Protein backbone atom coordinates (compact mmCIF):
# COMPACT_ATOMS: atom_id res chain seq x y z
CA ASP A 1 -0.27 -0.25 0.08
CA ALA A 2 2.89 2.82 0.73
CA MET A 3 4.56 1.77 -2.38
CA ASP A 4 1.29 2.05 -4.52
CA GLU A 5 0.86 5.48 -2.63
CA ALA A 6 4.39 6.47 -3.60
CA ALA A 7 3.77 5.77 -7.18
CA ASP A 8 0.40 7.75 -7.10
CA VAL A 9 2.43 11.04 -5.55
CA ALA A 10 5.26 10.66 -7.96
CA ARG A 11 2.40 9.97 -10.81
CA ASP A 12 0.48 13.54 -9.57
CA VAL A 13 3.46 15.46 -9.69
CA MET A 14 4.84 14.76 -13.03
CA SER A 15 1.93 14.51 -15.02
CA GLU A 16 -2.00 15.14 -15.88
CA PRO A 17 -4.08 12.85 -13.69
CA SER A 18 -3.53 9.21 -15.14
CA GLY A 19 -3.70 5.50 -14.36
CA LEU A 20 -6.38 2.90 -13.71
CA LEU A 21 -9.32 3.68 -11.67
CA ARG A 22 -11.62 0.94 -10.71
CA VAL A 23 -14.95 1.99 -9.91
CA THR A 24 -18.27 0.09 -8.60
CA THR A 25 -22.00 0.79 -8.46
CA SER A 26 -25.24 -1.16 -9.38
CA VAL A 27 -26.45 -2.17 -12.80
CA ALA A 28 -29.13 0.12 -13.15
CA PHE A 29 -27.48 3.01 -11.47
CA GLY A 30 -24.46 2.32 -13.62
CA GLU A 31 -26.52 1.91 -16.95
CA ARG A 32 -28.93 4.79 -16.38
CA TRP A 33 -27.12 7.46 -14.87
CA LEU A 34 -23.08 6.61 -14.52
CA ILE A 35 -22.58 5.51 -18.39
CA PRO A 36 -24.13 8.67 -19.76
CA ARG A 37 -21.47 11.00 -17.85
CA VAL A 38 -18.45 8.58 -18.71
CA ALA A 39 -17.92 10.13 -21.88
CA SER A 40 -17.57 13.74 -20.76
CA PHE A 41 -15.14 12.14 -18.16
CA HIS A 42 -12.86 10.10 -20.86
CA ALA A 43 -12.86 13.62 -22.79
CA ALA A 44 -11.72 15.69 -19.96
CA TYR A 45 -9.12 13.56 -18.62
CA PRO A 46 -8.12 10.80 -21.69
CA ARG A 47 -5.07 9.17 -19.58
CA ILE A 48 -7.54 7.67 -16.77
CA GLU A 49 -8.46 4.30 -17.69
CA LEU A 50 -11.76 3.38 -16.28
CA ASP A 51 -12.70 -0.12 -14.95
CA LEU A 52 -16.32 -0.25 -14.14
CA ILE A 53 -17.74 -3.36 -11.79
CA LEU A 54 -21.50 -3.17 -12.50
CA THR A 55 -22.73 -5.47 -9.86
CA ASP A 56 -25.93 -5.62 -7.33
CA ALA A 57 -23.88 -7.04 -4.74
CA VAL A 58 -21.88 -4.71 -2.13
CA ALA A 59 -18.25 -4.94 -3.27
CA ASP A 60 -15.52 -4.92 -0.50
CA LEU A 61 -13.50 -2.10 -1.86
CA ALA A 62 -10.65 -3.02 0.21
CA GLY A 63 -10.33 -6.59 -0.86
CA GLU A 64 -11.26 -6.48 -4.30
CA GLY A 65 -8.98 -3.41 -5.14
CA ILE A 66 -11.61 -1.08 -5.64
CA ASP A 67 -10.91 2.90 -5.73
CA VAL A 68 -14.42 4.22 -5.25
CA ALA A 69 -18.18 3.07 -4.97
CA LEU A 70 -21.57 4.96 -6.21
CA ARG A 71 -24.48 3.39 -3.44
CA LEU A 72 -27.98 4.42 -3.23
CA GLY A 73 -29.91 4.72 0.16
CA PRO A 74 -29.54 6.20 3.24
CA ARG A 75 -26.06 7.45 4.33
CA PRO A 76 -23.45 4.43 4.34
CA GLU A 77 -22.10 3.04 7.74
CA VAL A 78 -18.60 4.15 6.43
CA GLY A 79 -16.20 3.20 8.96
CA ALA A 80 -12.67 3.29 7.64
CA MET A 81 -14.47 4.74 4.28
CA VAL A 82 -15.09 8.51 3.18
CA ALA A 83 -18.65 9.21 2.12
CA ALA A 84 -20.07 12.13 0.09
CA LYS A 85 -23.39 12.85 -0.86
CA LEU A 86 -24.14 13.30 -4.81
CA PHE A 87 -27.33 13.94 -4.64
CA ASP A 88 -30.73 13.08 -3.00
CA THR A 89 -32.94 10.37 -5.27
CA PRO A 90 -36.55 11.21 -4.64
CA TYR A 91 -38.79 7.95 -5.63
CA ARG A 92 -42.15 8.51 -7.63
CA VAL A 93 -45.27 5.99 -7.91
CA VAL A 94 -45.70 5.86 -11.68
CA ALA A 95 -47.78 3.82 -14.45
CA SER A 96 -47.97 4.23 -18.16
CA PRO A 97 -50.58 5.89 -19.77
CA ASP A 98 -52.17 3.15 -21.11
CA TYR A 99 -52.16 1.29 -17.83
CA LEU A 100 -54.23 4.16 -16.26
CA ALA A 101 -56.48 4.30 -19.22
CA ARG A 102 -57.68 0.72 -19.09
CA ALA A 103 -57.41 0.53 -14.73
CA GLY A 104 -57.89 4.23 -13.70
CA TRP A 105 -56.09 6.80 -12.00
CA PRO A 106 -56.06 6.28 -8.33
CA GLU A 107 -57.23 9.34 -6.64
CA SER A 108 -55.46 8.80 -3.27
CA PRO A 109 -52.60 6.05 -2.18
CA ALA A 110 -55.52 4.25 -0.39
CA GLU A 111 -56.42 3.13 -4.03
CA LEU A 112 -53.51 1.61 -4.68
CA ALA A 113 -55.29 -1.56 -3.64
CA ARG A 114 -56.86 -2.16 -6.41
CA HIS A 115 -54.24 -1.71 -8.64
CA ASP A 116 -51.66 -4.18 -9.79
CA GLY A 117 -48.23 -3.91 -8.77
CA LEU A 118 -44.74 -4.13 -10.08
CA MET A 119 -42.51 -5.01 -7.18
CA PHE A 120 -39.03 -4.31 -6.93
CA ARG A 121 -37.54 -7.87 -4.92
CA LEU A 122 -35.75 -5.99 -2.08
CA PRO A 123 -37.83 -6.41 1.03
CA ALA A 124 -38.37 -2.92 1.49
CA PHE A 125 -40.26 -2.69 -1.86
CA ARG A 126 -42.43 -5.20 -0.63
CA ASN A 127 -43.55 -4.08 2.04
CA PRO A 128 -46.35 -1.10 2.11
CA TRP A 129 -44.91 1.95 0.68
CA HIS A 130 -44.73 4.82 2.88
CA PHE A 131 -46.11 8.23 1.74
CA ARG A 132 -45.47 11.67 3.15
CA SER A 133 -47.97 14.71 2.01
CA ALA A 134 -46.09 17.67 0.92
CA ARG A 135 -48.67 19.72 2.77
CA GLY A 136 -49.50 18.57 5.84
CA GLY A 137 -46.25 16.12 6.29
CA GLU A 138 -48.40 13.35 7.81
CA THR A 139 -47.81 9.93 6.75
CA LEU A 140 -49.40 6.97 5.55
CA ASP A 141 -48.81 3.48 4.23
CA ALA A 142 -50.34 1.96 1.11
CA MET A 143 -49.41 -0.46 -1.65
CA PRO A 144 -50.94 -2.20 -4.79
CA ARG A 145 -51.69 -5.87 -4.89
CA ARG A 146 -48.26 -7.67 -6.17
CA ALA A 147 -48.89 -8.43 -9.75
CA LEU A 148 -45.27 -9.11 -10.51
CA THR A 149 -41.82 -9.29 -8.58
CA ILE A 150 -38.78 -8.11 -10.52
CA SER A 151 -34.90 -8.47 -9.41
CA ASN A 152 -33.47 -5.75 -11.59
CA ALA A 153 -34.84 -1.80 -11.53
CA LEU A 154 -34.18 -1.65 -15.44
CA ALA A 155 -36.54 -4.60 -15.92
CA LEU A 156 -39.13 -2.90 -13.40
CA ARG A 157 -39.08 0.06 -15.71
CA ARG A 158 -39.43 -1.64 -18.97
CA ALA A 159 -42.29 -3.50 -17.60
CA ALA A 160 -44.06 0.04 -16.40
CA LEU A 161 -43.48 1.33 -19.91
CA ALA A 162 -45.35 -1.78 -21.09
CA GLY A 163 -48.39 -0.89 -19.03
CA MET A 164 -48.05 -3.95 -16.85
CA GLY A 165 -49.16 -1.89 -13.38
CA VAL A 166 -47.84 0.51 -11.00
CA ALA A 167 -44.41 0.80 -10.04
CA LEU A 168 -42.33 2.63 -7.13
CA MET A 169 -39.06 3.93 -8.66
CA ALA A 170 -36.55 6.37 -8.30
CA ASP A 171 -36.30 9.87 -10.31
CA TRP A 172 -32.76 8.77 -11.67
CA THR A 173 -34.23 5.78 -13.31
CA ILE A 174 -37.41 7.24 -14.92
CA ALA A 175 -36.50 11.21 -15.31
CA ASP A 176 -36.78 11.16 -19.24
CA ASP A 177 -39.80 8.96 -19.08
CA LEU A 178 -41.95 11.53 -16.64
CA LYS A 179 -40.47 14.20 -19.38
CA SER A 180 -42.06 12.40 -22.22
CA GLY A 181 -45.09 11.60 -20.59
CA GLU A 182 -44.38 7.81 -21.23
CA LEU A 183 -44.62 7.47 -17.63
CA LEU A 184 -46.82 9.80 -15.34
CA ASN A 185 -46.12 10.47 -11.75
CA LEU A 186 -49.54 9.50 -9.77
CA PHE A 187 -49.03 11.14 -6.41
CA PRO A 188 -47.25 14.68 -7.01
CA ASN A 189 -48.43 15.91 -3.78
CA TYR A 190 -46.61 13.14 -2.06
CA GLU A 191 -43.26 12.21 -1.00
CA VAL A 192 -42.85 8.39 -1.69
CA SER A 193 -40.35 5.88 -0.06
CA ALA A 194 -39.74 2.13 0.42
CA GLY A 195 -37.69 2.74 3.43
CA GLN A 196 -36.42 6.03 4.65
CA PHE A 197 -37.07 9.46 3.05
CA ASP A 198 -33.31 10.41 3.63
CA SER A 199 -32.48 8.23 0.38
CA ALA A 200 -29.54 9.64 -1.77
CA ALA A 201 -26.76 8.36 -4.26
CA TRP A 202 -23.24 8.51 -2.20
CA ILE A 203 -19.93 8.44 -3.54
CA VAL A 204 -17.72 6.18 -1.13
CA TYR A 205 -14.22 5.82 -0.93
CA LEU A 206 -11.22 4.04 1.34
CA SER A 207 -9.96 6.71 3.72
CA LYS A 208 -6.25 7.46 2.70
CA ALA A 209 -3.65 9.90 3.79
CA TYR A 210 -3.32 10.65 -0.03
CA VAL A 211 -6.15 10.53 -2.41
CA PRO A 212 -4.79 10.38 -5.95
CA MET A 213 -5.37 12.96 -8.59
CA ARG A 214 -7.27 10.44 -10.75
CA LEU A 215 -9.67 9.87 -7.77
CA ARG A 216 -10.19 13.48 -6.97
CA ALA A 217 -10.60 14.23 -10.52
CA PHE A 218 -13.22 11.58 -10.96
CA ILE A 219 -15.19 12.90 -7.77
CA ASP A 220 -15.31 16.46 -8.74
CA HIS A 221 -16.56 15.50 -12.09
CA LEU A 222 -19.62 13.46 -10.71
CA LYS A 223 -20.58 16.31 -8.54
CA ALA A 224 -20.20 18.94 -11.27
């Protein structure tokens, strides 16, 4: 480790940011959010080689030699790591216009019980969803009947676009679909969560005495 750090120091003193940077995140977040930003990063830092490990397993940064992880949820328990927030990740209950034309628009969260639900396989998403009114702050729980459970957020989005039912999804997954009208936000006056309301995207990396220039460049680029 000391020799690697010395090599990083020497490399950063002598040149622009360069070398191998190993990055991990979930498959869906990598495909929908990170990959579109990799092109601009590569254009700005052509001498940095990115190795993207897209997996839904929680990688061991030290054990697997990974420089930085992008993780979703409440603030991570970091221990010997550093966690910096990228952005909040609000969730929406959405459905396609075709589904709503067929099944009707639920007037309130309680009416979800008569709708087909597209459920993410994570336990929190298969329990009642939490709703918090933007006006009064009161909270209530509700969820649709389970019609289909899927283990991948990209496939869940595809099922919602196909008009198969109602889904709870993060903004970063469906922002383009909401803009285009291919998916509709059913409850714009509510905050919605499958677990805690303070969900966010986080940059997580090992705490070291020296942070290589290539890692600093990557973090600054994503924040910008």
